Amino acid sequence: VKVFQYGFEKIIELEKDEIEVADFIEYGKMFSELKVTSNVKYEILPA
């Protein structure tokens, strides 16, 4: 069992770098969630 503990270093940590979704999911479920751990303010910009 690995135990990970953050320090006070400024970080933006993404649970995953990539997520793959299907071409269609049942209506109401056409979304995916990403866990982001941080201690700074950030913006999300389309590439």
ModelCIF file with pLDDT and N, C-alpha, C, O atoms, coordinates in Angstrom:
data_MODEL
#
_entry.id   MODEL 
#
_entity.id                         1 
_entity.type                       polymer 
_entity.pdbx_number_of_molecules   1 
#
_entity_poly.entity_id                      1 
_entity_poly.type                           'polypeptide(L)' 
_entity_poly.nstd_linkage                   no 
_entity_poly.nstd_monomer                   no 
_entity_poly.pdbx_seq_one_letter_code       VKVFQYGFEKIIELEKDEIEVADFIEYGKMFSELKVTSNVKYEILPA 
_entity_poly.pdbx_seq_one_letter_code_can   VKVFQYGFEKIIELEKDEIEVADFIEYGKMFSELKVTSNVKYEILPA 
_entity_poly.pdbx_strand_id                 A 
#
loop_
_entity_poly_seq.entity_id 
_entity_poly_seq.num 
_entity_poly_seq.mon_id 
_entity_poly_seq.hetero 
1 1  VAL n 
1 2  LYS n 
1 3  VAL n 
1 4  PHE n 
1 5  GLN n 
1 6  TYR n 
1 7  GLY n 
1 8  PHE n 
1 9  GLU n 
1 10 LYS n 
1 11 ILE n 
1 12 ILE n 
1 13 GLU n 
1 14 LEU n 
1 15 GLU n 
1 16 LYS n 
1 17 ASP n 
1 18 GLU n 
1 19 ILE n 
1 20 GLU n 
1 21 VAL n 
1 22 ALA n 
1 23 ASP n 
1 24 PHE n 
1 25 ILE n 
1 26 GLU n 
1 27 TYR n 
1 28 GLY n 
1 29 LYS n 
1 30 MET n 
1 31 PHE n 
1 32 SER n 
1 33 GLU n 
1 34 LEU n 
1 35 LYS n 
1 36 VAL n 
1 37 THR n 
1 38 SER n 
1 39 ASN n 
1 40 VAL n 
1 41 LYS n 
1 42 TYR n 
1 43 GLU n 
1 44 ILE n 
1 45 LEU n 
1 46 PRO n 
1 47 ALA n 
#
_struct_asym.id          A 
_struct_asym.entity_id   1 
#
loop_
_ma_qa_metric.id 
_ma_qa_metric.mode 
_ma_qa_metric.name 
_ma_qa_metric.software_group_id 
_ma_qa_metric.type 
1 global pLDDT . pLDDT 
2 local  pLDDT . pLDDT 
#
_ma_qa_metric_global.metric_id      1 
_ma_qa_metric_global.metric_value   92.28 
_ma_qa_metric_global.model_id       1 
_ma_qa_metric_global.ordinal_id     1 
#
loop_
_ma_qa_metric_local.label_asym_id 
_ma_qa_metric_local.label_comp_id 
_ma_qa_metric_local.label_seq_id 
_ma_qa_metric_local.metric_id 
_ma_qa_metric_local.metric_value 
_ma_qa_metric_local.model_id 
_ma_qa_metric_local.ordinal_id 
A VAL 1  2 95.00 1 1  
A LYS 2  2 94.00 1 2  
A VAL 3  2 94.00 1 3  
A PHE 4  2 90.00 1 4  
A GLN 5  2 89.00 1 5  
A TYR 6  2 87.00 1 6  
A GLY 7  2 86.00 1 7  
A PHE 8  2 85.00 1 8  
A GLU 9  2 90.00 1 9  
A LYS 10 2 92.00 1 10 
A ILE 11 2 93.00 1 11 
A ILE 12 2 94.00 1 12 
A GLU 13 2 93.00 1 13 
A LEU 14 2 96.00 1 14 
A GLU 15 2 95.00 1 15 
A LYS 16 2 95.00 1 16 
A ASP 17 2 96.00 1 17 
A GLU 18 2 97.00 1 18 
A ILE 19 2 97.00 1 19 
A GLU 20 2 97.00 1 20 
A VAL 21 2 96.00 1 21 
A ALA 22 2 94.00 1 22 
A ASP 23 2 93.00 1 23 
A PHE 24 2 90.00 1 24 
A ILE 25 2 88.00 1 25 
A GLU 26 2 80.00 1 26 
A TYR 27 2 75.00 1 27 
A GLY 28 2 79.00 1 28 
A LYS 29 2 88.00 1 29 
A MET 30 2 93.00 1 30 
A PHE 31 2 96.00 1 31 
A SER 32 2 96.00 1 32 
A GLU 33 2 96.00 1 33 
A LEU 34 2 96.00 1 34 
A LYS 35 2 95.00 1 35 
A VAL 36 2 95.00 1 36 
A THR 37 2 93.00 1 37 
A SER 38 2 93.00 1 38 
A ASN 39 2 92.00 1 39 
A VAL 40 2 93.00 1 40 
A LYS 41 2 93.00 1 41 
A TYR 42 2 94.00 1 42 
A GLU 43 2 95.00 1 43 
A ILE 44 2 96.00 1 44 
A LEU 45 2 95.00 1 45 
A PRO 46 2 95.00 1 46 
A ALA 47 2 93.00 1 47 
#
loop_
_atom_site.group_PDB 
_atom_site.id 
_atom_site.type_symbol 
_atom_site.label_atom_id 
_atom_site.label_alt_id 
_atom_site.label_comp_id 
_atom_site.label_asym_id 
_atom_site.label_entity_id 
_atom_site.label_seq_id 
_atom_site.pdbx_PDB_ins_code 
_atom_site.Cartn_x 
_atom_site.Cartn_y 
_atom_site.Cartn_z 
_atom_site.occupancy 
_atom_site.B_iso_or_equiv 
_atom_site.pdbx_formal_charge 
_atom_site.auth_seq_id 
_atom_site.auth_comp_id 
_atom_site.auth_asym_id 
_atom_site.auth_atom_id 
_atom_site.pdbx_PDB_model_num 
ATOM 1   N N  . VAL A 1 1  ? 0.859   -1.182 0.000   1.00 95.00 ? 1  VAL A N  1 
ATOM 2   C CA . VAL A 1 1  ? 0.000   0.000  0.000   1.00 95.00 ? 1  VAL A CA 1 
ATOM 3   C C  . VAL A 1 1  ? 0.895   1.231  0.000   1.00 95.00 ? 1  VAL A C  1 
ATOM 4   O O  . VAL A 1 1  ? 1.766   1.375  0.857   1.00 95.00 ? 1  VAL A O  1 
ATOM 5   N N  . LYS A 1 2  ? 0.673   2.123  -0.972  1.00 94.00 ? 2  LYS A N  1 
ATOM 6   C CA . LYS A 1 2  ? 1.459   3.353  -1.019  1.00 94.00 ? 2  LYS A CA 1 
ATOM 7   C C  . LYS A 1 2  ? 0.690   4.476  -0.327  1.00 94.00 ? 2  LYS A C  1 
ATOM 8   O O  . LYS A 1 2  ? -0.515  4.632  -0.522  1.00 94.00 ? 2  LYS A O  1 
ATOM 9   N N  . VAL A 1 3  ? 1.387   5.233  0.460   1.00 94.00 ? 3  VAL A N  1 
ATOM 10  C CA . VAL A 1 3  ? 0.798   6.385  1.155   1.00 94.00 ? 3  VAL A CA 1 
ATOM 11  C C  . VAL A 1 3  ? 1.509   7.629  0.656   1.00 94.00 ? 3  VAL A C  1 
ATOM 12  O O  . VAL A 1 3  ? 2.720   7.774  0.824   1.00 94.00 ? 3  VAL A O  1 
ATOM 13  N N  . PHE A 1 4  ? 0.744   8.533  0.036   1.00 90.00 ? 4  PHE A N  1 
ATOM 14  C CA . PHE A 1 4  ? 1.318   9.751  -0.536  1.00 90.00 ? 4  PHE A CA 1 
ATOM 15  C C  . PHE A 1 4  ? 0.827   10.949 0.255   1.00 90.00 ? 4  PHE A C  1 
ATOM 16  O O  . PHE A 1 4  ? -0.361  11.057 0.556   1.00 90.00 ? 4  PHE A O  1 
ATOM 17  N N  . GLN A 1 5  ? 1.764   11.869 0.598   1.00 89.00 ? 5  GLN A N  1 
ATOM 18  C CA . GLN A 1 5  ? 1.397   13.061 1.366   1.00 89.00 ? 5  GLN A CA 1 
ATOM 19  C C  . GLN A 1 5  ? 2.002   14.291 0.703   1.00 89.00 ? 5  GLN A C  1 
ATOM 20  O O  . GLN A 1 5  ? 3.199   14.344 0.423   1.00 89.00 ? 5  GLN A O  1 
ATOM 21  N N  . TYR A 1 6  ? 1.135   15.288 0.456   1.00 87.00 ? 6  TYR A N  1 
ATOM 22  C CA . TYR A 1 6  ? 1.605   16.529 -0.152  1.00 87.00 ? 6  TYR A CA 1 
ATOM 23  C C  . TYR A 1 6  ? 2.346   17.379 0.865   1.00 87.00 ? 6  TYR A C  1 
ATOM 24  O O  . TYR A 1 6  ? 2.125   17.286 2.072   1.00 87.00 ? 6  TYR A O  1 
ATOM 25  N N  . GLY A 1 7  ? 3.234   18.213 0.334   1.00 86.00 ? 7  GLY A N  1 
ATOM 26  C CA . GLY A 1 7  ? 3.899   19.204 1.163   1.00 86.00 ? 7  GLY A CA 1 
ATOM 27  C C  . GLY A 1 7  ? 3.296   20.570 0.891   1.00 86.00 ? 7  GLY A C  1 
ATOM 28  O O  . GLY A 1 7  ? 2.126   20.682 0.525   1.00 86.00 ? 7  GLY A O  1 
ATOM 29  N N  . PHE A 1 8  ? 4.103   21.608 1.073   1.00 85.00 ? 8  PHE A N  1 
ATOM 30  C CA . PHE A 1 8  ? 3.630   22.969 0.856   1.00 85.00 ? 8  PHE A CA 1 
ATOM 31  C C  . PHE A 1 8  ? 4.096   23.534 -0.483  1.00 85.00 ? 8  PHE A C  1 
ATOM 32  O O  . PHE A 1 8  ? 3.879   24.710 -0.774  1.00 85.00 ? 8  PHE A O  1 
ATOM 33  N N  . GLU A 1 9  ? 4.726   22.709 -1.284  1.00 90.00 ? 9  GLU A N  1 
ATOM 34  C CA . GLU A 1 9  ? 5.169   23.119 -2.619  1.00 90.00 ? 9  GLU A CA 1 
ATOM 35  C C  . GLU A 1 9  ? 3.952   23.456 -3.477  1.00 90.00 ? 9  GLU A C  1 
ATOM 36  O O  . GLU A 1 9  ? 2.933   22.769 -3.409  1.00 90.00 ? 9  GLU A O  1 
ATOM 37  N N  . LYS A 1 10 ? 4.055   24.498 -4.270  1.00 92.00 ? 10 LYS A N  1 
ATOM 38  C CA . LYS A 1 10 ? 2.952   24.891 -5.148  1.00 92.00 ? 10 LYS A CA 1 
ATOM 39  C C  . LYS A 1 10 ? 2.822   23.863 -6.276  1.00 92.00 ? 10 LYS A C  1 
ATOM 40  O O  . LYS A 1 10 ? 3.785   23.565 -6.983  1.00 92.00 ? 10 LYS A O  1 
ATOM 41  N N  . ILE A 1 11 ? 1.611   23.333 -6.423  1.00 93.00 ? 11 ILE A N  1 
ATOM 42  C CA . ILE A 1 11 ? 1.417   22.271 -7.415  1.00 93.00 ? 11 ILE A CA 1 
ATOM 43  C C  . ILE A 1 11 ? 0.052   22.396 -8.078  1.00 93.00 ? 11 ILE A C  1 
ATOM 44  O O  . ILE A 1 11 ? -0.875  22.992 -7.530  1.00 93.00 ? 11 ILE A O  1 
ATOM 45  N N  . ILE A 1 12 ? -0.046  21.820 -9.269  1.00 94.00 ? 12 ILE A N  1 
ATOM 46  C CA . ILE A 1 12 ? -1.310  21.480 -9.924  1.00 94.00 ? 12 ILE A CA 1 
ATOM 47  C C  . ILE A 1 12 ? -1.148  20.023 -10.340 1.00 94.00 ? 12 ILE A C  1 
ATOM 48  O O  . ILE A 1 12 ? -0.414  19.715 -11.279 1.00 94.00 ? 12 ILE A O  1 
ATOM 49  N N  . GLU A 1 13 ? -1.835  19.134 -9.639  1.00 93.00 ? 13 GLU A N  1 
ATOM 50  C CA . GLU A 1 13 ? -1.672  17.694 -9.870  1.00 93.00 ? 13 GLU A CA 1 
ATOM 51  C C  . GLU A 1 13 ? -2.950  17.130 -10.493 1.00 93.00 ? 13 GLU A C  1 
ATOM 52  O O  . GLU A 1 13 ? -4.022  17.210 -9.893  1.00 93.00 ? 13 GLU A O  1 
ATOM 53  N N  . LEU A 1 14 ? -2.836  16.562 -11.696 1.00 96.00 ? 14 LEU A N  1 
ATOM 54  C CA . LEU A 1 14 ? -3.969  15.960 -12.376 1.00 96.00 ? 14 LEU A CA 1 
ATOM 55  C C  . LEU A 1 14 ? -4.019  14.470 -12.068 1.00 96.00 ? 14 LEU A C  1 
ATOM 56  O O  . LEU A 1 14 ? -3.004  13.775 -12.121 1.00 96.00 ? 14 LEU A O  1 
ATOM 57  N N  . GLU A 1 15 ? -5.209  13.995 -11.749 1.00 95.00 ? 15 GLU A N  1 
ATOM 58  C CA . GLU A 1 15 ? -5.369  12.570 -11.477 1.00 95.00 ? 15 GLU A CA 1 
ATOM 59  C C  . GLU A 1 15 ? -4.970  11.738 -12.688 1.00 95.00 ? 15 GLU A C  1 
ATOM 60  O O  . GLU A 1 15 ? -4.371  10.671 -12.546 1.00 95.00 ? 15 GLU A O  1 
ATOM 61  N N  . LYS A 1 16 ? -5.306  12.234 -13.894 1.00 95.00 ? 16 LYS A N  1 
ATOM 62  C CA . LYS A 1 16 ? -4.942  11.569 -15.147 1.00 95.00 ? 16 LYS A CA 1 
ATOM 63  C C  . LYS A 1 16 ? -4.530  12.621 -16.152 1.00 95.00 ? 16 LYS A C  1 
ATOM 64  O O  . LYS A 1 16 ? -5.047  13.738 -16.148 1.00 95.00 ? 16 LYS A O  1 
ATOM 65  N N  . ASP A 1 17 ? -3.596  12.257 -17.014 1.00 96.00 ? 17 ASP A N  1 
ATOM 66  C CA . ASP A 1 17 ? -3.207  13.165 -18.094 1.00 96.00 ? 17 ASP A CA 1 
ATOM 67  C C  . ASP A 1 17 ? -4.124  13.029 -19.300 1.00 96.00 ? 17 ASP A C  1 
ATOM 68  O O  . ASP A 1 17 ? -4.166  13.902 -20.167 1.00 96.00 ? 17 ASP A O  1 
ATOM 69  N N  . GLU A 1 18 ? -4.861  11.916 -19.342 1.00 97.00 ? 18 GLU A N  1 
ATOM 70  C CA . GLU A 1 18 ? -5.695  11.637 -20.504 1.00 97.00 ? 18 GLU A CA 1 
ATOM 71  C C  . GLU A 1 18 ? -6.905  10.799 -20.086 1.00 97.00 ? 18 GLU A C  1 
ATOM 72  O O  . GLU A 1 18 ? -6.794  9.900  -19.252 1.00 97.00 ? 18 GLU A O  1 
ATOM 73  N N  . ILE A 1 19 ? -8.053  11.107 -20.677 1.00 97.00 ? 19 ILE A N  1 
ATOM 74  C CA . ILE A 1 19 ? -9.271  10.328 -20.461 1.00 97.00 ? 19 ILE A CA 1 
ATOM 75  C C  . ILE A 1 19 ? -9.870  10.006 -21.824 1.00 97.00 ? 19 ILE A C  1 
ATOM 76  O O  . ILE A 1 19 ? -9.928  10.864 -22.704 1.00 97.00 ? 19 ILE A O  1 
ATOM 77  N N  . GLU A 1 20 ? -10.311 8.778  -21.991 1.00 97.00 ? 20 GLU A N  1 
ATOM 78  C CA . GLU A 1 20 ? -10.953 8.367  -23.239 1.00 97.00 ? 20 GLU A CA 1 
ATOM 79  C C  . GLU A 1 20 ? -12.435 8.122  -22.980 1.00 97.00 ? 20 GLU A C  1 
ATOM 80  O O  . GLU A 1 20 ? -12.807 7.452  -22.017 1.00 97.00 ? 20 GLU A O  1 
ATOM 81  N N  . VAL A 1 21 ? -13.276 8.674  -23.853 1.00 96.00 ? 21 VAL A N  1 
ATOM 82  C CA . VAL A 1 21 ? -14.729 8.521  -23.711 1.00 96.00 ? 21 VAL A CA 1 
ATOM 83  C C  . VAL A 1 21 ? -15.299 7.932  -24.996 1.00 96.00 ? 21 VAL A C  1 
ATOM 84  O O  . VAL A 1 21 ? -14.644 7.930  -26.039 1.00 96.00 ? 21 VAL A O  1 
ATOM 85  N N  . ALA A 1 22 ? -16.551 7.422  -24.901 1.00 94.00 ? 22 ALA A N  1 
ATOM 86  C CA . ALA A 1 22 ? -17.213 6.803  -26.044 1.00 94.00 ? 22 ALA A CA 1 
ATOM 87  C C  . ALA A 1 22 ? -17.822 7.866  -26.951 1.00 94.00 ? 22 ALA A C  1 
ATOM 88  O O  . ALA A 1 22 ? -17.951 9.027  -26.561 1.00 94.00 ? 22 ALA A O  1 
ATOM 89  N N  . ASP A 1 23 ? -18.199 7.459  -28.175 1.00 93.00 ? 23 ASP A N  1 
ATOM 90  C CA . ASP A 1 23 ? -18.812 8.395  -29.128 1.00 93.00 ? 23 ASP A CA 1 
ATOM 91  C C  . ASP A 1 23 ? -20.181 8.860  -28.634 1.00 93.00 ? 23 ASP A C  1 
ATOM 92  O O  . ASP A 1 23 ? -20.615 9.970  -28.942 1.00 93.00 ? 23 ASP A O  1 
ATOM 93  N N  . PHE A 1 24 ? -20.864 7.994  -27.858 1.00 90.00 ? 24 PHE A N  1 
ATOM 94  C CA . PHE A 1 24 ? -22.155 8.361  -27.306 1.00 90.00 ? 24 PHE A CA 1 
ATOM 95  C C  . PHE A 1 24 ? -22.371 7.636  -25.986 1.00 90.00 ? 24 PHE A C  1 
ATOM 96  O O  . PHE A 1 24 ? -22.082 6.445  -25.868 1.00 90.00 ? 24 PHE A O  1 
ATOM 97  N N  . ILE A 1 25 ? -22.879 8.357  -24.996 1.00 88.00 ? 25 ILE A N  1 
ATOM 98  C CA . ILE A 1 25 ? -23.280 7.778  -23.722 1.00 88.00 ? 25 ILE A CA 1 
ATOM 99  C C  . ILE A 1 25 ? -24.717 8.215  -23.493 1.00 88.00 ? 25 ILE A C  1 
ATOM 100 O O  . ILE A 1 25 ? -25.155 9.218  -24.057 1.00 88.00 ? 25 ILE A O  1 
ATOM 101 N N  . GLU A 1 26 ? -25.435 7.497  -22.695 1.00 80.00 ? 26 GLU A N  1 
ATOM 102 C CA . GLU A 1 26 ? -26.827 7.829  -22.423 1.00 80.00 ? 26 GLU A CA 1 
ATOM 103 C C  . GLU A 1 26 ? -26.966 9.302  -22.050 1.00 80.00 ? 26 GLU A C  1 
ATOM 104 O O  . GLU A 1 26 ? -26.137 9.848  -21.322 1.00 80.00 ? 26 GLU A O  1 
ATOM 105 N N  . TYR A 1 27 ? -28.043 9.952  -22.567 1.00 75.00 ? 27 TYR A N  1 
ATOM 106 C CA . TYR A 1 27 ? -28.251 11.371 -22.292 1.00 75.00 ? 27 TYR A CA 1 
ATOM 107 C C  . TYR A 1 27 ? -28.270 11.645 -20.795 1.00 75.00 ? 27 TYR A C  1 
ATOM 108 O O  . TYR A 1 27 ? -28.839 10.882 -20.014 1.00 75.00 ? 27 TYR A O  1 
ATOM 109 N N  . GLY A 1 28 ? -27.644 12.739 -20.414 1.00 79.00 ? 28 GLY A N  1 
ATOM 110 C CA . GLY A 1 28 ? -27.484 13.073 -19.007 1.00 79.00 ? 28 GLY A CA 1 
ATOM 111 C C  . GLY A 1 28 ? -26.152 12.592 -18.467 1.00 79.00 ? 28 GLY A C  1 
ATOM 112 O O  . GLY A 1 28 ? -25.753 12.955 -17.360 1.00 79.00 ? 28 GLY A O  1 
ATOM 113 N N  . LYS A 1 29 ? -25.455 11.762 -19.260 1.00 88.00 ? 29 LYS A N  1 
ATOM 114 C CA . LYS A 1 29 ? -24.165 11.212 -18.823 1.00 88.00 ? 29 LYS A CA 1 
ATOM 115 C C  . LYS A 1 29 ? -23.058 11.525 -19.827 1.00 88.00 ? 29 LYS A C  1 
ATOM 116 O O  . LYS A 1 29 ? -22.003 10.891 -19.813 1.00 88.00 ? 29 LYS A O  1 
ATOM 117 N N  . MET A 1 30 ? -23.301 12.495 -20.688 1.00 93.00 ? 30 MET A N  1 
ATOM 118 C CA . MET A 1 30 ? -22.312 12.861 -21.689 1.00 93.00 ? 30 MET A CA 1 
ATOM 119 C C  . MET A 1 30 ? -21.276 13.815 -21.083 1.00 93.00 ? 30 MET A C  1 
ATOM 120 O O  . MET A 1 30 ? -21.108 14.943 -21.544 1.00 93.00 ? 30 MET A O  1 
ATOM 121 N N  . PHE A 1 31 ? -20.592 13.341 -20.050 1.00 96.00 ? 31 PHE A N  1 
ATOM 122 C CA . PHE A 1 31 ? -19.554 14.146 -19.419 1.00 96.00 ? 31 PHE A CA 1 
ATOM 123 C C  . PHE A 1 31 ? -18.554 13.225 -18.732 1.00 96.00 ? 31 PHE A C  1 
ATOM 124 O O  . PHE A 1 31 ? -18.826 12.044 -18.513 1.00 96.00 ? 31 PHE A O  1 
ATOM 125 N N  . SER A 1 32 ? -17.402 13.778 -18.396 1.00 96.00 ? 32 SER A N  1 
ATOM 126 C CA . SER A 1 32 ? -16.381 13.060 -17.641 1.00 96.00 ? 32 SER A CA 1 
ATOM 127 C C  . SER A 1 32 ? -15.790 14.031 -16.628 1.00 96.00 ? 32 SER A C  1 
ATOM 128 O O  . SER A 1 32 ? -15.665 15.223 -16.907 1.00 96.00 ? 32 SER A O  1 
ATOM 129 N N  . GLU A 1 33 ? -15.424 13.519 -15.443 1.00 96.00 ? 33 GLU A N  1 
ATOM 130 C CA . GLU A 1 33 ? -14.871 14.370 -14.387 1.00 96.00 ? 33 GLU A CA 1 
ATOM 131 C C  . GLU A 1 33 ? -13.411 14.028 -14.137 1.00 96.00 ? 33 GLU A C  1 
ATOM 132 O O  . GLU A 1 33 ? -13.008 12.866 -14.191 1.00 96.00 ? 33 GLU A O  1 
ATOM 133 N N  . LEU A 1 34 ? -12.635 15.055 -13.863 1.00 96.00 ? 34 LEU A N  1 
ATOM 134 C CA . LEU A 1 34 ? -11.198 14.913 -13.597 1.00 96.00 ? 34 LEU A CA 1 
ATOM 135 C C  . LEU A 1 34 ? -10.893 15.473 -12.210 1.00 96.00 ? 34 LEU A C  1 
ATOM 136 O O  . LEU A 1 34 ? -11.285 16.595 -11.890 1.00 96.00 ? 34 LEU A O  1 
ATOM 137 N N  . LYS A 1 35 ? -10.191 14.687 -11.387 1.00 95.00 ? 35 LYS A N  1 
ATOM 138 C CA . LYS A 1 35 ? -9.778  15.154 -10.061 1.00 95.00 ? 35 LYS A CA 1 
ATOM 139 C C  . LYS A 1 35 ? -8.487  15.965 -10.195 1.00 95.00 ? 35 LYS A C  1 
ATOM 140 O O  . LYS A 1 35 ? -7.495  15.490 -10.748 1.00 95.00 ? 35 LYS A O  1 
ATOM 141 N N  . VAL A 1 36 ? -8.517  17.188 -9.683  1.00 95.00 ? 36 VAL A N  1 
ATOM 142 C CA . VAL A 1 36 ? -7.363  18.084 -9.743  1.00 95.00 ? 36 VAL A CA 1 
ATOM 143 C C  . VAL A 1 36 ? -7.020  18.510 -8.319  1.00 95.00 ? 36 VAL A C  1 
ATOM 144 O O  . VAL A 1 36 ? -7.874  19.031 -7.602  1.00 95.00 ? 36 VAL A O  1 
ATOM 145 N N  . THR A 1 37 ? -5.787  18.292 -7.912  1.00 93.00 ? 37 THR A N  1 
ATOM 146 C CA . THR A 1 37 ? -5.324  18.696 -6.582  1.00 93.00 ? 37 THR A CA 1 
ATOM 147 C C  . THR A 1 37 ? -4.365  19.875 -6.736  1.00 93.00 ? 37 THR A C  1 
ATOM 148 O O  . THR A 1 37 ? -3.410  19.803 -7.510  1.00 93.00 ? 37 THR A O  1 
ATOM 149 N N  . SER A 1 38 ? -4.616  20.958 -6.004  1.00 93.00 ? 38 SER A N  1 
ATOM 150 C CA . SER A 1 38 ? -3.771  22.146 -6.163  1.00 93.00 ? 38 SER A CA 1 
ATOM 151 C C  . SER A 1 38 ? -3.831  23.008 -4.911  1.00 93.00 ? 38 SER A C  1 
ATOM 152 O O  . SER A 1 38 ? -4.720  22.871 -4.070  1.00 93.00 ? 38 SER A O  1 
ATOM 153 N N  . ASN A 1 39 ? -2.849  23.902 -4.821  1.00 92.00 ? 39 ASN A N  1 
ATOM 154 C CA . ASN A 1 39 ? -2.861  24.946 -3.793  1.00 92.00 ? 39 ASN A CA 1 
ATOM 155 C C  . ASN A 1 39 ? -2.549  26.297 -4.424  1.00 92.00 ? 39 ASN A C  1 
ATOM 156 O O  . ASN A 1 39 ? -2.010  27.193 -3.774  1.00 92.00 ? 39 ASN A O  1 
ATOM 157 N N  . VAL A 1 40 ? -2.894  26.425 -5.691  1.00 93.00 ? 40 VAL A N  1 
ATOM 158 C CA . VAL A 1 40 ? -2.740  27.682 -6.420  1.00 93.00 ? 40 VAL A CA 1 
ATOM 159 C C  . VAL A 1 40 ? -4.016  27.934 -7.215  1.00 93.00 ? 40 VAL A C  1 
ATOM 160 O O  . VAL A 1 40 ? -4.822  27.029 -7.429  1.00 93.00 ? 40 VAL A O  1 
ATOM 161 N N  . LYS A 1 41 ? -4.179  29.173 -7.644  1.00 93.00 ? 41 LYS A N  1 
ATOM 162 C CA . LYS A 1 41 ? -5.275  29.484 -8.558  1.00 93.00 ? 41 LYS A CA 1 
ATOM 163 C C  . LYS A 1 41 ? -4.839  29.134 -9.979  1.00 93.00 ? 41 LYS A C  1 
ATOM 164 O O  . LYS A 1 41 ? -3.674  29.292 -10.344 1.00 93.00 ? 41 LYS A O  1 
ATOM 165 N N  . TYR A 1 42 ? -5.808  28.650 -10.779 1.00 94.00 ? 42 TYR A N  1 
ATOM 166 C CA . TYR A 1 42 ? -5.451  28.285 -12.146 1.00 94.00 ? 42 TYR A CA 1 
ATOM 167 C C  . TYR A 1 42 ? -6.641  28.515 -13.077 1.00 94.00 ? 42 TYR A C  1 
ATOM 168 O O  . TYR A 1 42 ? -7.789  28.610 -12.644 1.00 94.00 ? 42 TYR A O  1 
ATOM 169 N N  . GLU A 1 43 ? -6.327  28.601 -14.366 1.00 95.00 ? 43 GLU A N  1 
ATOM 170 C CA . GLU A 1 43 ? -7.350  28.674 -15.407 1.00 95.00 ? 43 GLU A CA 1 
ATOM 171 C C  . GLU A 1 43 ? -7.181  27.487 -16.337 1.00 95.00 ? 43 GLU A C  1 
ATOM 172 O O  . GLU A 1 43 ? -6.105  26.895 -16.411 1.00 95.00 ? 43 GLU A O  1 
ATOM 173 N N  . ILE A 1 44 ? -8.255  27.137 -17.051 1.00 96.00 ? 44 ILE A N  1 
ATOM 174 C CA . ILE A 1 44 ? -8.212  26.006 -17.979 1.00 96.00 ? 44 ILE A CA 1 
ATOM 175 C C  . ILE A 1 44 ? -8.417  26.551 -19.380 1.00 96.00 ? 44 ILE A C  1 
ATOM 176 O O  . ILE A 1 44 ? -9.486  27.075 -19.694 1.00 96.00 ? 44 ILE A O  1 
ATOM 177 N N  . LEU A 1 45 ? -7.402  26.431 -20.221 1.00 95.00 ? 45 LEU A N  1 
ATOM 178 C CA . LEU A 1 45 ? -7.425  27.028 -21.553 1.00 95.00 ? 45 LEU A CA 1 
ATOM 179 C C  . LEU A 1 45 ? -7.456  25.940 -22.622 1.00 95.00 ? 45 LEU A C  1 
ATOM 180 O O  . LEU A 1 45 ? -6.702  24.972 -22.527 1.00 95.00 ? 45 LEU A O  1 
ATOM 181 N N  . PRO A 1 46 ? -8.317  26.077 -23.647 1.00 95.00 ? 46 PRO A N  1 
ATOM 182 C CA . PRO A 1 46 ? -8.295  25.120 -24.761 1.00 95.00 ? 46 PRO A CA 1 
ATOM 183 C C  . PRO A 1 46 ? -7.030  25.309 -25.592 1.00 95.00 ? 46 PRO A C  1 
ATOM 184 O O  . PRO A 1 46 ? -6.621  26.438 -25.863 1.00 95.00 ? 46 PRO A O  1 
ATOM 185 N N  . ALA A 1 47 ? -6.420  24.212 -25.991 1.00 93.00 ? 47 ALA A N  1 
ATOM 186 C CA . ALA A 1 47 ? -5.186  24.303 -26.768 1.00 93.00 ? 47 ALA A CA 1 
ATOM 187 C C  . ALA A 1 47 ? -5.455  24.670 -28.218 1.00 93.00 ? 47 ALA A C  1 
ATOM 188 O O  . ALA A 1 47 ? -4.519  24.787 -29.009 1.00 93.00 ? 47 ALA A O  1 
#
